[in-house]
Amino acid sequence: MAMYDAPAIPTRRPVDHQQPPQLRPGDHVRIRGVPGDMPAHAQLEGAFGRVARIAGASVVLEMDEPYTAGGLTHRQYFASPYQLVKVESVGRMGARELFDDEPQDDAG
């Protein structure tokens, strides 16, 4: 017997995604967690950088501190916006912007 106008049966729980930050070139960001599973990625946990350019779902970062991967020293890192947390400016010292370097306690 068919059940016409029956309520829909939920087949799965809704997935809650955290929205990526709205980034522009020049924004200061922090990498959330360890960005990958390679040993070289461990040194990038919580690292800071500046957004150099954005293309679709890829963000190129100019890192504040160089990191070593494959025996070479790199200053650029390609990341996803979902891996990044935007760091707000807390003030100025002369002509230089100061940023909050304390880790944010967010759910993610």
Protein backbone atom coordinates (compact mmCIF):
# COMPACT_ATOMS: atom_id res chain seq x y z
CA MET A 1 0.00 0.00 0.00
CA ALA A 2 1.48 3.32 -1.06
CA MET A 3 1.86 6.12 1.47
CA TYR A 4 0.96 9.32 -0.35
CA ASP A 5 2.07 12.62 1.21
CA ALA A 6 4.14 10.77 3.81
CA PRO A 7 6.83 12.77 5.62
CA ALA A 8 10.34 12.31 4.24
CA ILE A 9 12.51 9.81 6.04
CA PRO A 10 15.84 11.35 7.00
CA THR A 11 18.57 9.17 5.53
CA ARG A 12 21.53 10.91 7.15
CA ARG A 13 22.41 13.63 9.59
CA PRO A 14 23.07 17.07 8.16
CA VAL A 15 26.77 17.76 7.78
CA ASP A 16 27.95 20.95 9.46
CA HIS A 17 30.88 22.52 7.66
CA GLN A 18 32.86 25.40 9.08
CA GLN A 19 32.92 28.21 6.53
CA PRO A 20 36.39 29.23 5.32
CA PRO A 21 37.50 32.78 6.13
CA GLN A 22 37.03 35.47 3.50
CA LEU A 23 40.63 36.15 2.50
CA ARG A 24 42.27 38.81 0.36
CA PRO A 25 45.91 39.15 -0.69
CA GLY A 26 47.88 40.73 2.13
CA ASP A 27 45.81 39.16 4.95
CA HIS A 28 47.75 37.58 7.80
CA VAL A 29 46.73 33.95 8.47
CA ARG A 30 47.60 31.00 10.70
CA ILE A 31 47.57 27.36 9.58
CA ARG A 32 45.02 25.34 11.55
CA GLY A 33 46.49 22.06 12.79
CA VAL A 34 48.94 19.98 10.76
CA PRO A 35 48.22 20.61 7.06
CA GLY A 36 49.25 17.18 5.78
CA ASP A 37 50.63 13.78 6.67
CA MET A 38 54.19 14.16 5.42
CA PRO A 39 56.95 14.61 8.03
CA ALA A 40 57.80 18.06 6.60
CA HIS A 41 54.26 19.24 7.36
CA ALA A 42 54.72 18.81 11.12
CA GLN A 43 56.83 21.98 11.27
CA LEU A 44 53.94 23.97 9.72
CA GLU A 45 51.54 23.30 12.60
CA GLY A 46 50.26 26.68 13.75
CA ALA A 47 52.62 28.57 11.42
CA PHE A 48 51.90 32.14 10.33
CA GLY A 49 51.99 33.60 6.86
CA ARG A 50 50.65 36.30 4.57
CA VAL A 51 48.26 35.59 1.69
CA ALA A 52 50.14 36.22 -1.57
CA ARG A 53 47.38 35.25 -4.03
CA ILE A 54 44.15 33.30 -4.27
CA ALA A 55 42.96 31.20 -7.20
CA GLY A 56 39.72 29.28 -6.66
CA ALA A 57 40.17 26.92 -3.72
CA SER A 58 43.96 27.40 -3.58
CA VAL A 59 45.70 30.01 -1.46
CA VAL A 60 49.40 30.79 -1.84
CA LEU A 61 51.01 31.82 1.44
CA GLU A 62 54.28 33.67 1.96
CA MET A 63 55.36 32.10 5.26
CA ASP A 64 56.82 34.20 8.09
CA GLU A 65 59.40 31.49 8.86
CA PRO A 66 60.98 29.28 6.19
CA TYR A 67 60.35 25.53 6.38
CA THR A 68 62.33 22.57 5.02
CA ALA A 69 60.74 19.98 2.73
CA GLY A 70 62.62 17.52 0.56
CA GLY A 71 65.96 18.96 1.65
CA LEU A 72 65.08 22.43 0.33
CA THR A 73 64.10 25.56 2.23
CA HIS A 74 60.77 27.05 1.16
CA ARG A 75 58.98 30.33 1.94
CA GLN A 76 55.82 29.69 -0.09
CA TYR A 77 53.11 27.22 0.86
CA PHE A 78 49.99 26.27 -1.10
CA ALA A 79 46.98 25.77 1.18
CA SER A 80 43.23 25.39 1.13
CA PRO A 81 41.13 28.18 2.70
CA TYR A 82 39.63 25.53 5.03
CA GLN A 83 43.10 25.03 6.59
CA LEU A 84 43.50 28.71 7.48
CA VAL A 85 42.42 31.02 10.28
CA LYS A 86 42.51 34.75 9.65
CA VAL A 87 44.58 36.60 12.25
CA GLU A 88 43.36 40.07 13.14
CA SER A 89 45.64 43.02 13.77
CA VAL A 90 45.86 44.04 17.43
CA GLY A 91 47.67 47.33 16.88
CA ARG A 92 50.63 49.07 15.36
CA MET A 93 54.20 49.73 16.41
CA GLY A 94 55.46 52.52 14.23
CA ALA A 95 54.74 51.58 10.63
CA ARG A 96 54.43 47.87 11.43
CA GLU A 97 51.19 45.97 12.08
CA LEU A 98 51.12 43.69 15.13
CA PHE A 99 49.13 40.46 15.05
CA ASP A 100 47.73 38.23 17.78
CA ASP A 101 49.91 35.12 17.95
CA GLU A 102 47.89 33.25 20.58
CA PRO A 103 46.13 30.12 19.28
CA GLN A 104 42.38 30.54 18.90
CA ASP A 105 40.20 28.06 20.81
CA ASP A 106 37.62 27.29 18.14
CA ALA A 107 35.82 24.07 17.36
CA GLY A 108 37.99 22.89 14.53
